[in-house]
Amino acid sequence: PAAIAFATGVLAFMVLRILPLRKVYNAVDW
């Protein structure tokens, strides 16, 4: 499902440090 596919991508970004961990939640337009 789209939500699972993209959530897996976000997890990969975090594990591989593509993004600073402190900025992951800042990237979301809350």
ModelCIF file with pLDDT and N, C-alpha, C, O atoms, coordinates in Angstrom:
data_MODEL
#
_entry.id   MODEL 
#
_entity.id                         1 
_entity.type                       polymer 
_entity.pdbx_number_of_molecules   1 
#
_entity_poly.entity_id                      1 
_entity_poly.type                           'polypeptide(L)' 
_entity_poly.nstd_linkage                   no 
_entity_poly.nstd_monomer                   no 
_entity_poly.pdbx_seq_one_letter_code       PAAIAFATGVLAFMVLRILPLRKVYNAVDW 
_entity_poly.pdbx_seq_one_letter_code_can   PAAIAFATGVLAFMVLRILPLRKVYNAVDW 
_entity_poly.pdbx_strand_id                 A 
#
loop_
_entity_poly_seq.entity_id 
_entity_poly_seq.num 
_entity_poly_seq.mon_id 
_entity_poly_seq.hetero 
1 1  PRO n 
1 2  ALA n 
1 3  ALA n 
1 4  ILE n 
1 5  ALA n 
1 6  PHE n 
1 7  ALA n 
1 8  THR n 
1 9  GLY n 
1 10 VAL n 
1 11 LEU n 
1 12 ALA n 
1 13 PHE n 
1 14 MET n 
1 15 VAL n 
1 16 LEU n 
1 17 ARG n 
1 18 ILE n 
1 19 LEU n 
1 20 PRO n 
1 21 LEU n 
1 22 ARG n 
1 23 LYS n 
1 24 VAL n 
1 25 TYR n 
1 26 ASN n 
1 27 ALA n 
1 28 VAL n 
1 29 ASP n 
1 30 TRP n 
#
_struct_asym.id          A 
_struct_asym.entity_id   1 
#
loop_
_ma_qa_metric.id 
_ma_qa_metric.mode 
_ma_qa_metric.name 
_ma_qa_metric.software_group_id 
_ma_qa_metric.type 
1 global pLDDT . pLDDT 
2 local  pLDDT . pLDDT 
#
_ma_qa_metric_global.metric_id      1 
_ma_qa_metric_global.metric_value   83.97 
_ma_qa_metric_global.model_id       1 
_ma_qa_metric_global.ordinal_id     1 
#
loop_
_ma_qa_metric_local.label_asym_id 
_ma_qa_metric_local.label_comp_id 
_ma_qa_metric_local.label_seq_id 
_ma_qa_metric_local.metric_id 
_ma_qa_metric_local.metric_value 
_ma_qa_metric_local.model_id 
_ma_qa_metric_local.ordinal_id 
A PRO 1  2 80.00 1 1  
A ALA 2  2 76.00 1 2  
A ALA 3  2 81.00 1 3  
A ILE 4  2 89.00 1 4  
A ALA 5  2 87.00 1 5  
A PHE 6  2 84.00 1 6  
A ALA 7  2 90.00 1 7  
A THR 8  2 93.00 1 8  
A GLY 9  2 90.00 1 9  
A VAL 10 2 91.00 1 10 
A LEU 11 2 93.00 1 11 
A ALA 12 2 92.00 1 12 
A PHE 13 2 89.00 1 13 
A MET 14 2 89.00 1 14 
A VAL 15 2 90.00 1 15 
A LEU 16 2 88.00 1 16 
A ARG 17 2 83.00 1 17 
A ILE 18 2 83.00 1 18 
A LEU 19 2 79.00 1 19 
A PRO 20 2 75.00 1 20 
A LEU 21 2 78.00 1 21 
A ARG 22 2 74.00 1 22 
A LYS 23 2 77.00 1 23 
A VAL 24 2 83.00 1 24 
A TYR 25 2 84.00 1 25 
A ASN 26 2 80.00 1 26 
A ALA 27 2 79.00 1 27 
A VAL 28 2 82.00 1 28 
A ASP 29 2 77.00 1 29 
A TRP 30 2 83.00 1 30 
#
loop_
_atom_site.group_PDB 
_atom_site.id 
_atom_site.type_symbol 
_atom_site.label_atom_id 
_atom_site.label_alt_id 
_atom_site.label_comp_id 
_atom_site.label_asym_id 
_atom_site.label_entity_id 
_atom_site.label_seq_id 
_atom_site.pdbx_PDB_ins_code 
_atom_site.Cartn_x 
_atom_site.Cartn_y 
_atom_site.Cartn_z 
_atom_site.occupancy 
_atom_site.B_iso_or_equiv 
_atom_site.pdbx_formal_charge 
_atom_site.auth_seq_id 
_atom_site.auth_comp_id 
_atom_site.auth_asym_id 
_atom_site.auth_atom_id 
_atom_site.pdbx_PDB_model_num 
ATOM 1   N N  . PRO A 1 1  ? 0.846  -1.196 0.000  1.00 80.00 ? 1  PRO A N  1 
ATOM 2   C CA . PRO A 1 1  ? 0.000  0.000  0.000  1.00 80.00 ? 1  PRO A CA 1 
ATOM 3   C C  . PRO A 1 1  ? 0.884  1.250  0.000  1.00 80.00 ? 1  PRO A C  1 
ATOM 4   O O  . PRO A 1 1  ? 2.004  1.227  0.510  1.00 80.00 ? 1  PRO A O  1 
ATOM 5   N N  . ALA A 1 2  ? 0.372  2.335  -0.575 1.00 76.00 ? 2  ALA A N  1 
ATOM 6   C CA . ALA A 1 2  ? 1.183  3.552  -0.718 1.00 76.00 ? 2  ALA A CA 1 
ATOM 7   C C  . ALA A 1 2  ? 1.740  4.018  0.626  1.00 76.00 ? 2  ALA A C  1 
ATOM 8   O O  . ALA A 1 2  ? 2.915  4.373  0.722  1.00 76.00 ? 2  ALA A O  1 
ATOM 9   N N  . ALA A 1 3  ? 0.909  4.018  1.652  1.00 81.00 ? 3  ALA A N  1 
ATOM 10  C CA . ALA A 1 3  ? 1.367  4.494  2.962  1.00 81.00 ? 3  ALA A CA 1 
ATOM 11  C C  . ALA A 1 3  ? 2.525  3.655  3.481  1.00 81.00 ? 3  ALA A C  1 
ATOM 12  O O  . ALA A 1 3  ? 3.490  4.194  4.022  1.00 81.00 ? 3  ALA A O  1 
ATOM 13  N N  . ILE A 1 4  ? 2.435  2.325  3.319  1.00 89.00 ? 4  ILE A N  1 
ATOM 14  C CA . ILE A 1 4  ? 3.491  1.438  3.802  1.00 89.00 ? 4  ILE A CA 1 
ATOM 15  C C  . ILE A 1 4  ? 4.752  1.610  2.964  1.00 89.00 ? 4  ILE A C  1 
ATOM 16  O O  . ILE A 1 4  ? 5.857  1.635  3.505  1.00 89.00 ? 4  ILE A O  1 
ATOM 17  N N  . ALA A 1 5  ? 4.596  1.727  1.654  1.00 87.00 ? 5  ALA A N  1 
ATOM 18  C CA . ALA A 1 5  ? 5.759  1.867  0.771  1.00 87.00 ? 5  ALA A CA 1 
ATOM 19  C C  . ALA A 1 5  ? 6.556  3.121  1.103  1.00 87.00 ? 5  ALA A C  1 
ATOM 20  O O  . ALA A 1 5  ? 7.783  3.078  1.198  1.00 87.00 ? 5  ALA A O  1 
ATOM 21  N N  . PHE A 1 6  ? 5.857  4.235  1.280  1.00 84.00 ? 6  PHE A N  1 
ATOM 22  C CA . PHE A 1 6  ? 6.567  5.489  1.545  1.00 84.00 ? 6  PHE A CA 1 
ATOM 23  C C  . PHE A 1 6  ? 7.058  5.570  2.991  1.00 84.00 ? 6  PHE A C  1 
ATOM 24  O O  . PHE A 1 6  ? 8.079  6.202  3.261  1.00 84.00 ? 6  PHE A O  1 
ATOM 25  N N  . ALA A 1 7  ? 6.349  4.945  3.912  1.00 90.00 ? 7  ALA A N  1 
ATOM 26  C CA . ALA A 1 7  ? 6.845  4.885  5.289  1.00 90.00 ? 7  ALA A CA 1 
ATOM 27  C C  . ALA A 1 7  ? 8.134  4.066  5.356  1.00 90.00 ? 7  ALA A C  1 
ATOM 28  O O  . ALA A 1 7  ? 9.044  4.392  6.118  1.00 90.00 ? 7  ALA A O  1 
ATOM 29  N N  . THR A 1 8  ? 8.208  3.002  4.555  1.00 93.00 ? 8  THR A N  1 
ATOM 30  C CA . THR A 1 8  ? 9.438  2.213  4.486  1.00 93.00 ? 8  THR A CA 1 
ATOM 31  C C  . THR A 1 8  ? 10.574 3.061  3.929  1.00 93.00 ? 8  THR A C  1 
ATOM 32  O O  . THR A 1 8  ? 11.709 2.967  4.396  1.00 93.00 ? 8  THR A O  1 
ATOM 33  N N  . GLY A 1 9  ? 10.269 3.895  2.923  1.00 90.00 ? 9  GLY A N  1 
ATOM 34  C CA . GLY A 1 9  ? 11.276 4.798  2.377  1.00 90.00 ? 9  GLY A CA 1 
ATOM 35  C C  . GLY A 1 9  ? 11.799 5.785  3.409  1.00 90.00 ? 9  GLY A C  1 
ATOM 36  O O  . GLY A 1 9  ? 12.997 6.062  3.462  1.00 90.00 ? 9  GLY A O  1 
ATOM 37  N N  . VAL A 1 10 ? 10.900 6.313  4.225  1.00 91.00 ? 10 VAL A N  1 
ATOM 38  C CA . VAL A 1 10 ? 11.313 7.243  5.285  1.00 91.00 ? 10 VAL A CA 1 
ATOM 39  C C  . VAL A 1 10 ? 12.201 6.537  6.293  1.00 91.00 ? 10 VAL A C  1 
ATOM 40  O O  . VAL A 1 10 ? 13.206 7.093  6.736  1.00 91.00 ? 10 VAL A O  1 
ATOM 41  N N  . LEU A 1 11 ? 11.840 5.322  6.655  1.00 93.00 ? 11 LEU A N  1 
ATOM 42  C CA . LEU A 1 11 ? 12.667 4.553  7.592  1.00 93.00 ? 11 LEU A CA 1 
ATOM 43  C C  . LEU A 1 11 ? 14.061 4.337  7.006  1.00 93.00 ? 11 LEU A C  1 
ATOM 44  O O  . LEU A 1 11 ? 15.059 4.448  7.718  1.00 93.00 ? 11 LEU A O  1 
ATOM 45  N N  . ALA A 1 12 ? 14.132 4.030  5.714  1.00 92.00 ? 12 ALA A N  1 
ATOM 46  C CA . ALA A 1 12 ? 15.433 3.847  5.065  1.00 92.00 ? 12 ALA A CA 1 
ATOM 47  C C  . ALA A 1 12 ? 16.239 5.144  5.094  1.00 92.00 ? 12 ALA A C  1 
ATOM 48  O O  . ALA A 1 12 ? 17.449 5.110  5.320  1.00 92.00 ? 12 ALA A O  1 
ATOM 49  N N  . PHE A 1 13 ? 15.587 6.283  4.870  1.00 89.00 ? 13 PHE A N  1 
ATOM 50  C CA . PHE A 1 13 ? 16.270 7.577  4.954  1.00 89.00 ? 13 PHE A CA 1 
ATOM 51  C C  . PHE A 1 13 ? 16.870 7.785  6.335  1.00 89.00 ? 13 PHE A C  1 
ATOM 52  O O  . PHE A 1 13 ? 17.989 8.282  6.465  1.00 89.00 ? 13 PHE A O  1 
ATOM 53  N N  . MET A 1 14 ? 16.124 7.403  7.368  1.00 89.00 ? 14 MET A N  1 
ATOM 54  C CA . MET A 1 14 ? 16.594 7.613  8.737  1.00 89.00 ? 14 MET A CA 1 
ATOM 55  C C  . MET A 1 14 ? 17.748 6.667  9.067  1.00 89.00 ? 14 MET A C  1 
ATOM 56  O O  . MET A 1 14 ? 18.742 7.082  9.665  1.00 89.00 ? 14 MET A O  1 
ATOM 57  N N  . VAL A 1 15 ? 17.618 5.393  8.678  1.00 90.00 ? 15 VAL A N  1 
ATOM 58  C CA . VAL A 1 15 ? 18.665 4.415  8.984  1.00 90.00 ? 15 VAL A CA 1 
ATOM 59  C C  . VAL A 1 15 ? 19.958 4.750  8.243  1.00 90.00 ? 15 VAL A C  1 
ATOM 60  O O  . VAL A 1 15 ? 21.053 4.610  8.788  1.00 90.00 ? 15 VAL A O  1 
ATOM 61  N N  . LEU A 1 16 ? 19.817 5.194  6.997  1.00 88.00 ? 16 LEU A N  1 
ATOM 62  C CA . LEU A 1 16 ? 20.990 5.498  6.172  1.00 88.00 ? 16 LEU A CA 1 
ATOM 63  C C  . LEU A 1 16 ? 21.479 6.929  6.358  1.00 88.00 ? 16 LEU A C  1 
ATOM 64  O O  . LEU A 1 16 ? 22.425 7.349  5.693  1.00 88.00 ? 16 LEU A O  1 
ATOM 65  N N  . ARG A 1 17 ? 20.850 7.676  7.247  1.00 83.00 ? 17 ARG A N  1 
ATOM 66  C CA . ARG A 1 17 ? 21.238 9.047  7.570  1.00 83.00 ? 17 ARG A CA 1 
ATOM 67  C C  . ARG A 1 17 ? 21.226 9.965  6.342  1.00 83.00 ? 17 ARG A C  1 
ATOM 68  O O  . ARG A 1 17 ? 22.085 10.836 6.202  1.00 83.00 ? 17 ARG A O  1 
ATOM 69  N N  . ILE A 1 18 ? 20.258 9.764  5.467  1.00 83.00 ? 18 ILE A N  1 
ATOM 70  C CA . ILE A 1 18 ? 20.090 10.690 4.352  1.00 83.00 ? 18 ILE A CA 1 
ATOM 71  C C  . ILE A 1 18 ? 19.676 12.049 4.888  1.00 83.00 ? 18 ILE A C  1 
ATOM 72  O O  . ILE A 1 18 ? 20.049 13.088 4.343  1.00 83.00 ? 18 ILE A O  1 
ATOM 73  N N  . LEU A 1 19 ? 18.913 12.026 5.945  1.00 79.00 ? 19 LEU A N  1 
ATOM 74  C CA . LEU A 1 19 ? 18.476 13.238 6.634  1.00 79.00 ? 19 LEU A CA 1 
ATOM 75  C C  . LEU A 1 19 ? 19.041 13.245 8.045  1.00 79.00 ? 19 LEU A C  1 
ATOM 76  O O  . LEU A 1 19 ? 19.139 12.192 8.674  1.00 79.00 ? 19 LEU A O  1 
ATOM 77  N N  . PRO A 1 20 ? 19.417 14.429 8.560  1.00 75.00 ? 20 PRO A N  1 
ATOM 78  C CA . PRO A 1 20 ? 19.729 14.504 9.988  1.00 75.00 ? 20 PRO A CA 1 
ATOM 79  C C  . PRO A 1 20 ? 18.496 14.095 10.786 1.00 75.00 ? 20 PRO A C  1 
ATOM 80  O O  . PRO A 1 20 ? 17.391 14.561 10.507 1.00 75.00 ? 20 PRO A O  1 
ATOM 81  N N  . LEU A 1 21 ? 18.680 13.237 11.768 1.00 78.00 ? 21 LEU A N  1 
ATOM 82  C CA . LEU A 1 21 ? 17.532 12.724 12.516 1.00 78.00 ? 21 LEU A CA 1 
ATOM 83  C C  . LEU A 1 21 ? 16.730 13.838 13.167 1.00 78.00 ? 21 LEU A C  1 
ATOM 84  O O  . LEU A 1 21 ? 15.510 13.738 13.301 1.00 78.00 ? 21 LEU A O  1 
ATOM 85  N N  . ARG A 1 22 ? 17.410 14.892 13.568 1.00 74.00 ? 22 ARG A N  1 
ATOM 86  C CA . ARG A 1 22 ? 16.711 15.990 14.231 1.00 74.00 ? 22 ARG A CA 1 
ATOM 87  C C  . ARG A 1 22 ? 15.820 16.772 13.260 1.00 74.00 ? 22 ARG A C  1 
ATOM 88  O O  . ARG A 1 22 ? 14.959 17.546 13.680 1.00 74.00 ? 22 ARG A O  1 
ATOM 89  N N  . LYS A 1 23 ? 16.040 16.557 11.940 1.00 77.00 ? 23 LYS A N  1 
ATOM 90  C CA . LYS A 1 23 ? 15.273 17.312 10.951 1.00 77.00 ? 23 LYS A CA 1 
ATOM 91  C C  . LYS A 1 23 ? 14.154 16.503 10.299 1.00 77.00 ? 23 LYS A C  1 
ATOM 92  O O  . LYS A 1 23 ? 13.391 17.033 9.491  1.00 77.00 ? 23 LYS A O  1 
ATOM 93  N N  . VAL A 1 24 ? 14.057 15.232 10.647 1.00 83.00 ? 24 VAL A N  1 
ATOM 94  C CA . VAL A 1 24 ? 13.040 14.399 10.016 1.00 83.00 ? 24 VAL A CA 1 
ATOM 95  C C  . VAL A 1 24 ? 11.647 14.954 10.268 1.00 83.00 ? 24 VAL A C  1 
ATOM 96  O O  . VAL A 1 24 ? 10.849 15.086 9.340  1.00 83.00 ? 24 VAL A O  1 
ATOM 97  N N  . TYR A 1 25 ? 11.359 15.274 11.504 1.00 84.00 ? 25 TYR A N  1 
ATOM 98  C CA . TYR A 1 25 ? 10.019 15.762 11.832 1.00 84.00 ? 25 TYR A CA 1 
ATOM 99  C C  . TYR A 1 25 ? 9.827  17.214 11.402 1.00 84.00 ? 25 TYR A C  1 
ATOM 100 O O  . TYR A 1 25 ? 8.697  17.661 11.201 1.00 84.00 ? 25 TYR A O  1 
ATOM 101 N N  . ASN A 1 26 ? 10.935 17.954 11.261 1.00 80.00 ? 26 ASN A N  1 
ATOM 102 C CA . ASN A 1 26 ? 10.819 19.318 10.753 1.00 80.00 ? 26 ASN A CA 1 
ATOM 103 C C  . ASN A 1 26 ? 10.430 19.341 9.285  1.00 80.00 ? 26 ASN A C  1 
ATOM 104 O O  . ASN A 1 26 ? 9.905  20.340 8.795  1.00 80.00 ? 26 ASN A O  1 
ATOM 105 N N  . ALA A 1 27 ? 10.686 18.238 8.576  1.00 79.00 ? 27 ALA A N  1 
ATOM 106 C CA . ALA A 1 27 ? 10.360 18.180 7.153  1.00 79.00 ? 27 ALA A CA 1 
ATOM 107 C C  . ALA A 1 27 ? 8.861  18.048 6.905  1.00 79.00 ? 27 ALA A C  1 
ATOM 108 O O  . ALA A 1 27 ? 8.394  18.289 5.792  1.00 79.00 ? 27 ALA A O  1 
ATOM 109 N N  . VAL A 1 28 ? 8.116  17.671 7.920  1.00 82.00 ? 28 VAL A N  1 
ATOM 110 C CA . VAL A 1 28 ? 6.670  17.472 7.773  1.00 82.00 ? 28 VAL A CA 1 
ATOM 111 C C  . VAL A 1 28 ? 5.946  18.803 7.953  1.00 82.00 ? 28 VAL A C  1 
ATOM 112 O O  . VAL A 1 28 ? 6.206  19.541 8.903  1.00 82.00 ? 28 VAL A O  1 
ATOM 113 N N  . ASP A 1 29 ? 5.042  19.095 7.033  1.00 77.00 ? 29 ASP A N  1 
ATOM 114 C CA . ASP A 1 29 ? 4.204  20.292 7.142  1.00 77.00 ? 29 ASP A CA 1 
ATOM 115 C C  . ASP A 1 29 ? 3.034  19.946 8.060  1.00 77.00 ? 29 ASP A C  1 
ATOM 116 O O  . ASP A 1 29 ? 1.974  19.519 7.602  1.00 77.00 ? 29 ASP A O  1 
ATOM 117 N N  . TRP A 1 30 ? 3.242  20.137 9.361  1.00 83.00 ? 30 TRP A N  1 
ATOM 118 C CA . TRP A 1 30 ? 2.258  19.675 10.339 1.00 83.00 ? 30 TRP A CA 1 
ATOM 119 C C  . TRP A 1 30 ? 0.895  20.354 10.223 1.00 83.00 ? 30 TRP A C  1 
ATOM 120 O O  . TRP A 1 30 ? -0.015 20.048 10.993 1.00 83.00 ? 30 TRP A O  1 
#
